[in-house]
Amino acid sequence: MVIHNATFMMEREREGEFIDWLRGLVAGEGLFAESLRGRRVRLSAMREAGGVDYRQAEAQSVAFQVEFDSIEEARKWSREALPTVAARFEEHFGPQAMVFTSVFEEISL
């Protein structure tokens, strides 16, 4: 299994607004919502980094993760479904906003 991670960083005070915004996109219509149907998705908010509570930071990170069967599927999704959402995020939550992505492969222990 492969996990595509998109971490959205925004002003700390806008976390709730962002979560509502993303939930609307996931539940809505269009390429992004359709690309997630039948997939396992997770949303996680950072609560501590390096021993520092998130409420003491200026920025907040929220990770949106989607599971895929292969890295090729994850890359295709990242090329086709994610760019419009990332651009809309930066327009709506900027200028103090950014998105970065990473892809992880699950390894059995």
Protein backbone atom coordinates (compact mmCIF):
# COMPACT_ATOMS: atom_id res chain seq x y z
CA MET A 1 0.00 0.00 0.00
CA VAL A 2 1.09 3.56 -0.77
CA ILE A 3 -0.02 6.64 1.16
CA HIS A 4 -0.09 10.02 -0.55
CA ASN A 5 0.27 12.79 2.03
CA ALA A 6 -0.62 16.41 1.32
CA THR A 7 0.23 18.67 4.25
CA PHE A 8 -1.62 21.97 4.25
CA MET A 9 -0.05 24.75 6.32
CA MET A 10 -2.06 27.82 7.29
CA GLU A 11 -2.41 30.38 10.03
CA ARG A 12 -3.21 28.54 13.25
CA GLU A 13 -6.47 30.41 13.77
CA ARG A 14 -7.82 29.18 10.41
CA GLU A 15 -7.65 25.44 11.14
CA GLY A 16 -11.42 25.05 11.70
CA GLU A 17 -12.21 27.04 8.58
CA PHE A 18 -9.80 24.86 6.58
CA ILE A 19 -11.31 21.60 7.89
CA ASP A 20 -14.82 22.75 6.92
CA TRP A 21 -13.53 23.85 3.50
CA LEU A 22 -11.81 20.51 2.83
CA ARG A 23 -14.79 18.48 4.05
CA GLY A 24 -16.95 20.36 1.55
CA LEU A 25 -14.58 19.47 -1.28
CA VAL A 26 -14.40 15.80 -0.29
CA ALA A 27 -18.19 15.51 -0.02
CA GLY A 28 -18.87 17.62 -3.10
CA GLU A 29 -18.89 17.08 -6.83
CA GLY A 30 -16.09 17.24 -9.33
CA LEU A 31 -12.79 15.52 -10.05
CA PHE A 32 -11.35 15.78 -6.54
CA ALA A 33 -14.38 14.27 -4.79
CA GLU A 34 -14.85 11.63 -7.48
CA SER A 35 -11.17 10.63 -7.29
CA LEU A 36 -11.61 9.79 -3.60
CA ARG A 37 -14.69 7.57 -3.90
CA GLY A 38 -13.95 4.11 -2.53
CA ARG A 39 -10.54 5.15 -1.18
CA ARG A 40 -9.45 5.30 2.43
CA VAL A 41 -8.72 8.90 3.39
CA ARG A 42 -7.52 10.45 6.66
CA LEU A 43 -7.25 13.98 7.99
CA SER A 44 -4.85 14.67 10.87
CA ALA A 45 -4.03 17.94 12.61
CA MET A 46 -0.61 18.50 14.15
CA ARG A 47 -0.86 18.97 17.89
CA GLU A 48 2.79 19.03 18.91
CA ALA A 49 6.13 19.35 17.12
CA GLY A 50 9.49 19.16 18.81
CA GLY A 51 7.82 19.39 22.19
CA VAL A 52 5.99 22.62 21.28
CA ASP A 53 2.21 22.69 21.56
CA TYR A 54 0.54 23.80 18.32
CA ARG A 55 -1.31 26.61 20.13
CA GLN A 56 2.06 28.28 20.69
CA ALA A 57 2.92 28.25 16.97
CA GLU A 58 1.97 30.80 14.33
CA ALA A 59 1.23 28.17 11.70
CA GLN A 60 -0.80 24.98 11.76
CA SER A 61 -0.27 21.83 9.69
CA VAL A 62 -3.08 19.52 8.65
CA ALA A 63 -2.26 16.30 6.79
CA PHE A 64 -4.66 14.84 4.23
CA GLN A 65 -3.77 11.25 3.38
CA VAL A 66 -5.11 8.97 0.68
CA GLU A 67 -4.27 5.27 0.28
CA PHE A 68 -3.44 3.72 -3.11
CA ASP A 69 -2.44 0.27 -4.31
CA SER A 70 0.64 1.55 -6.18
CA ILE A 71 2.94 4.52 -6.43
CA GLU A 72 1.81 4.99 -10.04
CA GLU A 73 -1.80 5.46 -8.86
CA ALA A 74 -0.68 7.94 -6.21
CA ARG A 75 1.36 9.92 -8.74
CA LYS A 76 -1.51 9.98 -11.23
CA TRP A 77 -3.90 11.26 -8.54
CA SER A 78 -1.36 13.88 -7.49
CA ARG A 79 -1.01 15.11 -11.09
CA GLU A 80 -4.70 15.08 -11.97
CA ALA A 81 -6.84 15.67 -8.88
CA LEU A 82 -4.70 17.56 -6.39
CA PRO A 83 -3.33 20.62 -8.29
CA THR A 84 -6.64 22.48 -8.55
CA VAL A 85 -7.37 21.93 -4.85
CA ALA A 86 -3.87 23.07 -3.88
CA ALA A 87 -4.21 26.23 -5.98
CA ARG A 88 -7.65 26.99 -4.53
CA PHE A 89 -6.27 26.45 -1.02
CA GLU A 90 -3.41 28.89 -1.56
CA GLU A 91 -5.79 31.46 -3.06
CA HIS A 92 -8.30 31.12 -0.21
CA PHE A 93 -5.93 30.78 2.75
CA GLY A 94 -2.89 32.72 1.45
CA PRO A 95 -0.64 34.50 1.49
CA GLN A 96 0.33 32.69 4.70
CA ALA A 97 -0.43 29.24 3.30
CA MET A 98 1.36 26.44 1.51
CA VAL A 99 0.98 22.78 0.54
CA PHE A 100 3.67 20.15 0.34
CA THR A 101 3.31 16.52 -0.63
CA SER A 102 5.06 13.25 0.09
CA VAL A 103 4.42 9.61 -0.76
CA PHE A 104 4.99 6.78 1.69
CA GLU A 105 5.09 3.05 1.10
CA GLU A 106 3.80 0.81 3.85
CA ILE A 107 6.40 -1.68 5.08
CA SER A 108 5.48 -4.75 7.13
CA LEU A 109 7.24 -5.23 10.46
